[in-house]
C-alpha atoms as a PDB file:
ATOM      1  CA  MET A   1      83.861 151.897 114.746  1.00  0.00           C
ATOM      2  CA  LYS A   2      82.818 150.186 111.551  1.00  0.00           C
ATOM      3  CA  HIS A   3      85.173 148.341 109.277  1.00  0.00           C
ATOM      4  CA  PRO A   4      85.647 149.402 105.606  1.00  0.00           C
ATOM      5  CA  VAL A   5      84.547 145.935 104.486  1.00  0.00           C
ATOM      6  CA  ASP A   6      81.096 146.734 105.898  1.00  0.00           C
ATOM      7  CA  CYS A   7      80.750 149.341 103.150  1.00  0.00           C
ATOM      8  CA  LEU A   8      81.732 146.722 100.562  1.00  0.00           C
ATOM      9  CA  PHE A   9      79.051 144.239 101.596  1.00  0.00           C
ATOM     10  CA  GLY A  10      76.503 146.982 102.203  1.00  0.00           C
ATOM     11  CA  GLY A  11      77.096 148.258  98.671  1.00  0.00           C
ATOM     12  CA  ILE A  12      76.756 144.774  97.230  1.00  0.00           C
ATOM     13  CA  PHE A  13      73.454 144.092  98.984  1.00  0.00           C
ATOM     14  CA  LEU A  14      72.029 147.527  98.155  1.00  0.00           C
ATOM     15  CA  SER A  15      72.925 147.277  94.476  1.00  0.00           C
ATOM     16  CA  VAL A  16      71.593 143.741  94.090  1.00  0.00           C
ATOM     17  CA  ILE A  17      68.255 144.664  95.626  1.00  0.00           C
ATOM     18  CA  VAL A  18      67.902 147.897  93.641  1.00  0.00           C
ATOM     19  CA  THR A  19      68.909 146.278  90.341  1.00  0.00           C
ATOM     20  CA  VAL A  20      66.506 143.359  90.684  1.00  0.00           C
ATOM     21  CA  LEU A  21      63.644 145.649  91.693  1.00  0.00           C
ATOM     22  CA  VAL A  22      64.279 148.025  88.799  1.00  0.00           C
ATOM     23  CA  MET A  23      64.476 145.180  86.295  1.00  0.00           C
ATOM     24  CA  VAL A  24      61.262 143.610  87.559  1.00  0.00           C
ATOM     25  CA  LEU A  25      59.470 146.957  87.490  1.00  0.00           C
ATOM     26  CA  LEU A  26      60.670 147.573  83.939  1.00  0.00           C
ATOM     27  CA  ALA A  27      59.379 144.146  82.914  1.00  0.00           C
ATOM     28  CA  LEU A  28      55.982 144.824  84.487  1.00  0.00           C
ATOM     29  CA  LEU A  29      55.537 148.191  82.780  1.00  0.00           C
ATOM     30  CA  PRO A  30      54.005 148.120  79.302  1.00  0.00           C
ATOM     31  CA  LEU A  31      57.058 149.458  77.481  1.00  0.00           C
ATOM     32  CA  ASP A  32      56.745 148.606  73.804  1.00  0.00           C
ATOM     33  CA  ALA A  33      59.808 150.676  72.906  1.00  0.00           C
ATOM     34  CA  LEU A  34      62.121 148.242  74.701  1.00  0.00           C
ATOM     35  CA  GLY A  35      61.042 145.340  72.531  1.00  0.00           C
ATOM     36  CA  GLU A  36      60.785 141.733  73.593  1.00  0.00           C
ATOM     37  CA  GLY A  37      64.442 140.860  74.127  1.00  0.00           C
ATOM     38  CA  ARG A  38      66.017 140.345  77.511  1.00  0.00           C
ATOM     39  CA  LEU A  39      69.128 142.304  76.619  1.00  0.00           C
ATOM     40  CA  THR A  40      67.254 145.587  76.371  1.00  0.00           C
ATOM     41  CA  TYR A  41      65.621 145.028  79.749  1.00  0.00           C
ATOM     42  CA  VAL A  42      68.956 144.118  81.303  1.00  0.00           C
ATOM     43  CA  LEU A  43      70.758 147.150  79.883  1.00  0.00           C
ATOM     44  CA  ALA A  44      67.926 149.527  80.761  1.00  0.00           C
ATOM     45  CA  GLY A  45      67.653 148.083  84.268  1.00  0.00           C
ATOM     46  CA  MET A  46      71.394 148.337  84.825  1.00  0.00           C
ATOM     47  CA  GLY A  47      71.427 151.918  83.565  1.00  0.00           C
ATOM     48  CA  VAL A  48      68.583 153.031  85.796  1.00  0.00           C
ATOM     49  CA  SER A  49      69.934 151.270  88.858  1.00  0.00           C
ATOM     50  CA  ALA A  50      73.435 152.669  88.234  1.00  0.00           C
ATOM     51  CA  CYS A  51      71.888 156.144  88.221  1.00  0.00           C
ATOM     52  CA  ILE A  52      70.310 155.326  91.580  1.00  0.00           C
ATOM     53  CA  VAL A  53      73.190 153.718  93.473  1.00  0.00           C
ATOM     54  CA  PHE A  54      76.352 155.428  92.166  1.00  0.00           C
ATOM     55  CA  PRO A  55      75.835 159.214  92.593  1.00  0.00           C
ATOM     56  CA  ARG A  56      76.368 159.417  96.368  1.00  0.00           C
ATOM     57  CA  PRO A  57      79.749 157.659  96.552  1.00  0.00           C
ATOM     58  CA  LEU A  58      80.952 159.261  93.306  1.00  0.00           C
ATOM     59  CA  LEU A  59      80.075 162.739  94.523  1.00  0.00           C
ATOM     60  CA  LYS A  60      81.689 162.072  97.886  1.00  0.00           C
ATOM     61  CA  ARG A  61      84.776 160.838  96.065  1.00  0.00           C
ATOM     62  CA  THR A  62      85.052 163.884  93.778  1.00  0.00           C
ATOM     63  CA  LEU A  63      83.072 167.039  94.614  1.00  0.00           C
ATOM     64  CA  TRP A  64      82.254 166.621  98.296  1.00  0.00           C
ATOM     65  CA  HIS A  65      85.659 165.161  99.147  1.00  0.00           C
ATOM     66  CA  GLY A  66      86.818 166.252 102.572  1.00  0.00           C
ATOM     67  CA  ARG A  67      83.455 167.533 103.795  1.00  0.00           C
ATOM     68  CA  ASP A  68      82.629 164.449 105.809  1.00  0.00           C
ATOM     69  CA  PRO A  69      85.420 163.688 108.264  1.00  0.00           C
ATOM     70  CA  PHE A  70      83.788 160.434 109.378  1.00  0.00           C
ATOM     71  CA  VAL A  71      84.044 158.715 105.967  1.00  0.00           C
ATOM     72  CA  LEU A  72      87.453 157.309 105.097  1.00  0.00           C
ATOM     73  CA  ASP A  73      88.841 156.924 101.588  1.00  0.00           C
ATOM     74  CA  ASP A  74      88.973 153.155 102.065  1.00  0.00           C
ATOM     75  CA  GLU A  75      85.268 153.156 102.866  1.00  0.00           C
ATOM     76  CA  LEU A  76      84.465 155.126  99.703  1.00  0.00           C
ATOM     77  CA  ASP A  77      86.617 152.823  97.586  1.00  0.00           C
ATOM     78  CA  ASN A  78      84.952 149.750  99.037  1.00  0.00           C
ATOM     79  CA  MET A  79      81.524 151.327  98.619  1.00  0.00           C
ATOM     80  CA  LEU A  80      82.162 151.939  94.904  1.00  0.00           C
ATOM     81  CA  ILE A  81      83.590 148.459  94.368  1.00  0.00           C
ATOM     82  CA  GLY A  82      80.697 146.865  96.246  1.00  0.00           C
ATOM     83  CA  ARG A  83      78.100 148.750  94.271  1.00  0.00           C
ATOM     84  CA  GLY A  84      79.760 147.749  91.006  1.00  0.00           C
ATOM     85  CA  ILE A  85      79.852 144.091  92.007  1.00  0.00           C
ATOM     86  CA  GLY A  86      76.259 144.329  93.204  1.00  0.00           C
ATOM     87  CA  LEU A  87      75.175 145.862  89.904  1.00  0.00           C
ATOM     88  CA  VAL A  88      76.571 142.903  87.951  1.00  0.00           C
ATOM     89  CA  CYS A  89      75.216 140.318  90.405  1.00  0.00           C
ATOM     90  CA  GLY A  90      71.849 142.078  90.475  1.00  0.00           C
ATOM     91  CA  ALA A  91      71.689 141.955  86.681  1.00  0.00           C
ATOM     92  CA  ALA A  92      72.340 138.222  86.798  1.00  0.00           C
ATOM     93  CA  ALA A  93      69.663 137.747  89.453  1.00  0.00           C
ATOM     94  CA  GLY A  94      67.326 139.981  87.463  1.00  0.00           C
ATOM     95  CA  VAL A  95      67.769 137.817  84.368  1.00  0.00           C
ATOM     96  CA  PHE A  96      66.868 134.809  86.482  1.00  0.00           C
ATOM     97  CA  VAL A  97      63.737 136.544  87.753  1.00  0.00           C
ATOM     98  CA  LEU A  98      62.870 137.940  84.308  1.00  0.00           C
ATOM     99  CA  GLY A  99      62.842 134.416  82.936  1.00  0.00           C
ATOM    100  CA  GLN A 100      59.475 134.105  84.651  1.00  0.00           C
ATOM    101  CA  PHE A 101      58.040 137.266  83.046  1.00  0.00           C
ATOM    102  CA  ILE A 102      59.395 137.521  79.502  1.00  0.00           C
END
């Protein structure tokens, strides 16, 4: 049986990896509409990665609640908290990596 804290750390690691990858891919694409500032890349990267990592736990928390008897409410709460923390930490790591590109 897994512990609810596993979902917390799994969410953190998933969000950090996804956020850094999205931010690097956005920096590598020739997007003139984003401009040259880092803030636009950070906000766009965080928005795209939030759309990738948050739908599953949010839908399980609201619409699909009760359909999966093997997922506890504590696990969903920790998954959402972990993905939020990972999004912020991934943005910080992405800024560090983007310092090499832009």
